[in-house]
């Protein structure tokens, strides 16, 4: 709870990952991947509920073992490649409502972004709550090293600018900084989230990350990078 407002964290973790099968419970520096998100959430002073939404009984067992709530198994239609994160959030919030739980803020924590600092969640919630008169959401972002102005695409065999109107400058340093929403946390007023169906609202705050946090795990090479970063930054075995 923050200033009398109740907060739920939802950690989505389906069982059918294709880029790296079984990644949500694959061991990363001594713990299942999902455990890193659960443990950071449980360290928060502001979260009233840490809920894992999964279709997998195996993931559910691991999540409960590390202290998360798993009050349901997600239906199959919400665990496909085409199901959106917002459908998953709506389903989880609806289940909370049926159990008599209402939350003023909703926090999305992606297990594939485990490089959270202990106070990131509370700092983001504090910033959103302090600015609640002017803002409805907050998203963690990191400055990208591969700037969209120098990105290319293939047209047959021909190499072309990906975004033609940005192609004048050829060095990242010559362009205004560009940012990517790495999934350390997404937060919003629950009512606004249900109404607008996005965290990227017109009144959205940015929460800049440190450079080492700018990774998400989608495949084996991402996994190896994050593992190396954890060992370097957090002195893990």
Protein backbone atom coordinates (compact mmCIF):
# COMPACT_ATOMS: atom_id res chain seq x y z
CA UNK A 1 0.00 0.00 0.00
CA UNK A 2 1.16 3.51 -0.75
CA UNK A 3 -0.62 6.48 0.84
CA UNK A 4 -3.70 4.36 1.44
CA UNK A 5 -3.78 3.01 -2.12
CA UNK A 6 -3.63 -0.76 -2.64
CA UNK A 7 -1.18 -2.21 -5.17
CA UNK A 8 -1.02 -5.56 -6.97
CA UNK A 9 1.97 -6.88 -8.90
CA UNK A 10 1.20 -9.30 -11.73
CA UNK A 11 3.98 -11.53 -13.04
CA UNK A 12 2.94 -13.24 -16.32
CA UNK A 13 4.69 -16.54 -17.00
CA UNK A 14 3.24 -18.90 -19.57
CA UNK A 15 4.62 -22.35 -20.05
CA UNK A 16 4.93 -22.38 -23.84
CA UNK A 17 8.02 -20.27 -24.51
CA UNK A 18 9.47 -20.98 -27.94
CA UNK A 19 12.53 -18.72 -28.04
CA UNK A 20 13.99 -20.49 -25.00
CA UNK A 21 11.81 -23.43 -23.93
CA UNK A 22 11.15 -23.61 -20.19
CA UNK A 23 12.90 -20.29 -19.56
CA UNK A 24 10.62 -19.09 -16.75
CA UNK A 25 11.81 -21.88 -14.44
CA UNK A 26 15.24 -22.42 -15.97
CA UNK A 27 17.99 -21.95 -13.39
CA UNK A 28 19.73 -18.56 -13.60
CA UNK A 29 22.62 -17.94 -11.18
CA UNK A 30 21.20 -20.43 -8.70
CA UNK A 31 17.46 -19.65 -8.93
CA UNK A 32 14.64 -20.23 -11.40
CA UNK A 33 14.28 -17.17 -13.63
CA UNK A 34 10.84 -16.29 -12.27
CA UNK A 35 12.16 -16.33 -8.70
CA UNK A 36 14.23 -13.19 -9.34
CA UNK A 37 11.06 -11.21 -10.06
CA UNK A 38 9.10 -12.72 -7.19
CA UNK A 39 11.82 -12.03 -4.65
CA UNK A 40 12.27 -8.40 -5.73
CA UNK A 41 8.50 -7.91 -5.53
CA UNK A 42 8.34 -9.39 -2.04
CA UNK A 43 11.02 -6.92 -0.90
CA UNK A 44 8.74 -4.02 -1.82
CA UNK A 45 7.19 -2.04 1.02
CA UNK A 46 4.27 -0.99 -1.19
CA UNK A 47 2.91 -4.14 -2.83
CA UNK A 48 -0.15 -5.71 -1.21
CA UNK A 49 -0.22 -8.75 -3.49
CA UNK A 50 2.34 -10.52 -5.69
CA UNK A 51 0.42 -12.65 -8.16
CA UNK A 52 1.74 -14.99 -10.84
CA UNK A 53 -0.47 -15.64 -13.87
CA UNK A 54 0.49 -18.88 -15.56
CA UNK A 55 -1.05 -21.76 -17.47
CA UNK A 56 1.59 -24.17 -16.18
CA UNK A 57 1.18 -26.25 -13.00
CA UNK A 58 4.97 -26.62 -12.86
CA UNK A 59 5.54 -22.84 -12.99
CA UNK A 60 2.75 -22.39 -10.43
CA UNK A 61 4.48 -24.77 -8.02
CA UNK A 62 7.79 -22.94 -8.36
CA UNK A 63 6.11 -19.54 -7.94
CA UNK A 64 4.34 -20.62 -4.75
CA UNK A 65 7.56 -22.07 -3.39
CA UNK A 66 9.18 -18.64 -3.71
CA UNK A 67 6.27 -16.87 -2.03
CA UNK A 68 3.98 -15.67 -4.83
CA UNK A 69 0.23 -16.09 -4.96
CA UNK A 70 -1.10 -18.32 -7.75
CA UNK A 71 -4.87 -18.30 -7.21
CA UNK A 72 -5.71 -19.73 -10.65
CA UNK A 73 -4.25 -21.36 -13.73
CA UNK A 74 -4.60 -19.11 -16.77
CA UNK A 75 -6.99 -20.49 -19.41
CA UNK A 76 -5.42 -21.87 -22.56
CA UNK A 77 -6.75 -19.09 -24.79
CA UNK A 78 -4.74 -16.58 -22.76
CA UNK A 79 -1.52 -18.58 -23.05
CA UNK A 80 -1.03 -18.54 -26.82
CA UNK A 81 1.51 -16.59 -28.87
CA UNK A 82 -1.28 -14.19 -29.84
CA UNK A 83 -2.75 -13.47 -26.41
CA UNK A 84 -1.89 -9.93 -25.31
CA UNK A 85 -0.41 -8.93 -21.98
CA UNK A 86 -3.41 -6.67 -21.41
CA UNK A 87 -5.82 -9.60 -21.77
CA UNK A 88 -3.77 -11.45 -19.16
CA UNK A 89 -3.88 -8.44 -16.81
CA UNK A 90 -7.63 -8.03 -17.26
CA UNK A 91 -8.15 -11.70 -16.46
CA UNK A 92 -6.01 -11.46 -13.31
CA UNK A 93 -7.72 -8.29 -12.07
CA UNK A 94 -11.13 -9.83 -12.73
CA UNK A 95 -10.16 -12.84 -10.65
CA UNK A 96 -9.01 -10.52 -7.86
CA UNK A 97 -12.37 -8.76 -8.03
CA UNK A 98 -14.27 -12.04 -7.73
CA UNK A 99 -12.28 -12.72 -4.56
CA UNK A 100 -13.17 -9.31 -3.17
CA UNK A 101 -9.80 -7.67 -3.83
CA UNK A 102 -9.60 -4.26 -5.46
CA UNK A 103 -6.38 -2.44 -6.29
CA UNK A 104 -5.72 1.22 -7.06
CA UNK A 105 -2.45 0.54 -8.87
CA UNK A 106 -1.42 -2.38 -11.08
CA UNK A 107 2.23 -3.30 -11.55
CA UNK A 108 3.45 -5.57 -14.36
CA UNK A 109 6.76 -7.34 -13.73
CA UNK A 110 8.10 -9.36 -16.65
CA UNK A 111 10.17 -12.36 -15.46
CA UNK A 112 12.33 -11.96 -18.56
CA UNK A 113 13.72 -8.70 -17.11
CA UNK A 114 15.34 -9.91 -13.87
CA UNK A 115 17.87 -7.07 -13.52
CA UNK A 116 15.87 -5.06 -10.98
CA UNK A 117 17.45 -3.22 -8.12
CA UNK A 118 15.90 -3.76 -4.69
CA UNK A 119 14.19 -0.37 -4.59
CA UNK A 120 13.16 0.05 -8.25
CA UNK A 121 9.56 -1.00 -7.65
CA UNK A 122 9.03 1.31 -4.69
CA UNK A 123 10.82 4.23 -6.34
CA UNK A 124 8.61 3.91 -9.41
CA UNK A 125 5.44 3.65 -7.36
CA UNK A 126 6.44 6.65 -5.28
CA UNK A 127 7.12 8.71 -8.41
CA UNK A 128 3.77 7.76 -9.95
CA UNK A 129 1.84 8.36 -6.74
CA UNK A 130 3.46 11.76 -6.14
CA UNK A 131 2.59 12.75 -9.70
CA UNK A 132 -0.85 11.17 -9.77
CA UNK A 133 -2.59 14.48 -10.44
CA UNK A 134 -0.75 14.74 -13.77
CA UNK A 135 0.20 11.16 -14.68
CA UNK A 136 -1.59 7.81 -14.94
CA UNK A 137 1.28 5.41 -15.62
CA UNK A 138 5.04 4.95 -15.46
CA UNK A 139 7.31 2.73 -17.59
CA UNK A 140 10.95 1.74 -17.07
CA UNK A 141 13.13 2.70 -20.05
CA UNK A 142 16.76 2.41 -21.04
CA UNK A 143 18.68 4.40 -23.62
CA UNK A 144 19.31 2.26 -26.70
CA UNK A 145 22.79 1.86 -28.12
CA UNK A 146 21.50 0.93 -31.60
CA UNK A 147 19.73 4.14 -32.53
CA UNK A 148 16.68 3.96 -34.85
CA UNK A 149 18.27 6.66 -37.04
CA UNK A 150 20.98 4.23 -38.16
CA UNK A 151 18.80 1.11 -38.38
CA UNK A 152 18.47 -0.49 -41.83
CA UNK A 153 16.11 -2.87 -43.58
CA UNK A 154 16.38 -5.17 -46.57
CA UNK A 155 14.33 -4.51 -49.69
CA UNK A 156 15.14 -7.66 -51.61
CA UNK A 157 18.94 -7.48 -51.56
CA UNK A 158 19.07 -3.71 -51.27
CA UNK A 159 19.93 -2.11 -47.92
CA UNK A 160 17.73 0.88 -47.07
CA UNK A 161 17.13 3.16 -44.07
CA UNK A 162 14.53 1.61 -41.79
CA UNK A 163 13.05 5.04 -41.04
CA UNK A 164 13.89 7.31 -43.95
CA UNK A 165 13.18 10.61 -42.19
CA UNK A 166 15.72 9.74 -39.47
CA UNK A 167 18.55 8.70 -41.75
CA UNK A 168 20.41 12.02 -42.11
CA UNK A 169 22.70 11.42 -39.13
CA UNK A 170 24.86 8.31 -39.34
CA UNK A 171 26.18 8.21 -35.77
CA UNK A 172 24.16 7.49 -32.64
CA UNK A 173 25.85 10.39 -30.87
CA UNK A 174 24.52 12.85 -33.48
CA UNK A 175 20.88 12.04 -32.65
CA UNK A 176 18.67 12.78 -29.70
CA UNK A 177 18.69 9.84 -27.24
CA UNK A 178 16.20 7.07 -27.99
CA UNK A 179 14.70 4.82 -25.32
CA UNK A 180 13.32 1.29 -25.21
CA UNK A 181 10.82 0.06 -22.56
CA UNK A 182 12.81 -2.69 -20.88
CA UNK A 183 10.47 -4.71 -18.68
CA UNK A 184 11.81 -3.93 -15.22
CA UNK A 185 8.33 -2.59 -14.39
CA UNK A 186 5.22 -1.09 -15.92
CA UNK A 187 2.76 0.59 -13.54
CA UNK A 188 -0.59 2.32 -13.90
CA UNK A 189 -3.70 3.37 -12.09
CA UNK A 190 -5.86 0.28 -12.41
CA UNK A 191 -8.94 2.14 -13.59
CA UNK A 192 -6.98 3.97 -16.30
CA UNK A 193 -5.31 0.73 -17.39
CA UNK A 194 -8.64 -1.05 -17.80
CA UNK A 195 -10.07 1.91 -19.67
CA UNK A 196 -7.13 2.59 -22.01
CA UNK A 197 -5.76 -0.96 -22.32
CA UNK A 198 -2.16 0.24 -22.38
CA UNK A 199 0.61 1.43 -20.07
CA UNK A 200 1.66 3.93 -22.76
CA UNK A 201 -0.98 6.46 -21.87
CA UNK A 202 -0.99 10.12 -22.91
CA UNK A 203 -0.01 10.89 -19.32
CA UNK A 204 2.89 8.42 -18.95
CA UNK A 205 6.05 8.96 -16.90
CA UNK A 206 9.48 7.55 -17.77
CA UNK A 207 11.70 5.82 -15.23
CA UNK A 208 15.28 5.73 -16.60
CA UNK A 209 17.27 2.58 -15.88
CA UNK A 210 20.95 2.07 -15.36
CA UNK A 211 22.88 0.78 -18.38
CA UNK A 212 23.36 -2.74 -17.01
CA UNK A 213 19.58 -3.20 -16.70
CA UNK A 214 18.96 -2.81 -20.42
CA UNK A 215 18.45 -6.49 -21.21
CA UNK A 216 15.47 -8.78 -21.74
CA UNK A 217 15.62 -12.55 -22.13
CA UNK A 218 14.04 -13.80 -25.33
CA UNK A 219 16.56 -16.41 -26.44
CA UNK A 220 19.72 -18.24 -25.37
CA UNK A 221 22.03 -15.36 -26.28
CA UNK A 222 20.02 -12.93 -24.15
CA UNK A 223 20.19 -15.48 -21.33
CA UNK A 224 23.96 -15.69 -21.56
CA UNK A 225 24.25 -11.89 -21.54
CA UNK A 226 22.01 -11.48 -18.49
CA UNK A 227 23.83 -14.27 -16.67
CA UNK A 228 27.17 -12.53 -17.30
CA UNK A 229 25.75 -9.15 -16.21
CA UNK A 230 24.38 -10.64 -12.97
CA UNK A 231 27.72 -12.21 -12.16
CA UNK A 232 29.55 -8.98 -12.87
CA UNK A 233 27.19 -6.49 -11.20
CA UNK A 234 25.92 -8.56 -8.28
CA UNK A 235 29.02 -10.72 -7.70
CA UNK A 236 27.05 -13.93 -8.16
CA UNK A 237 28.62 -17.34 -8.79
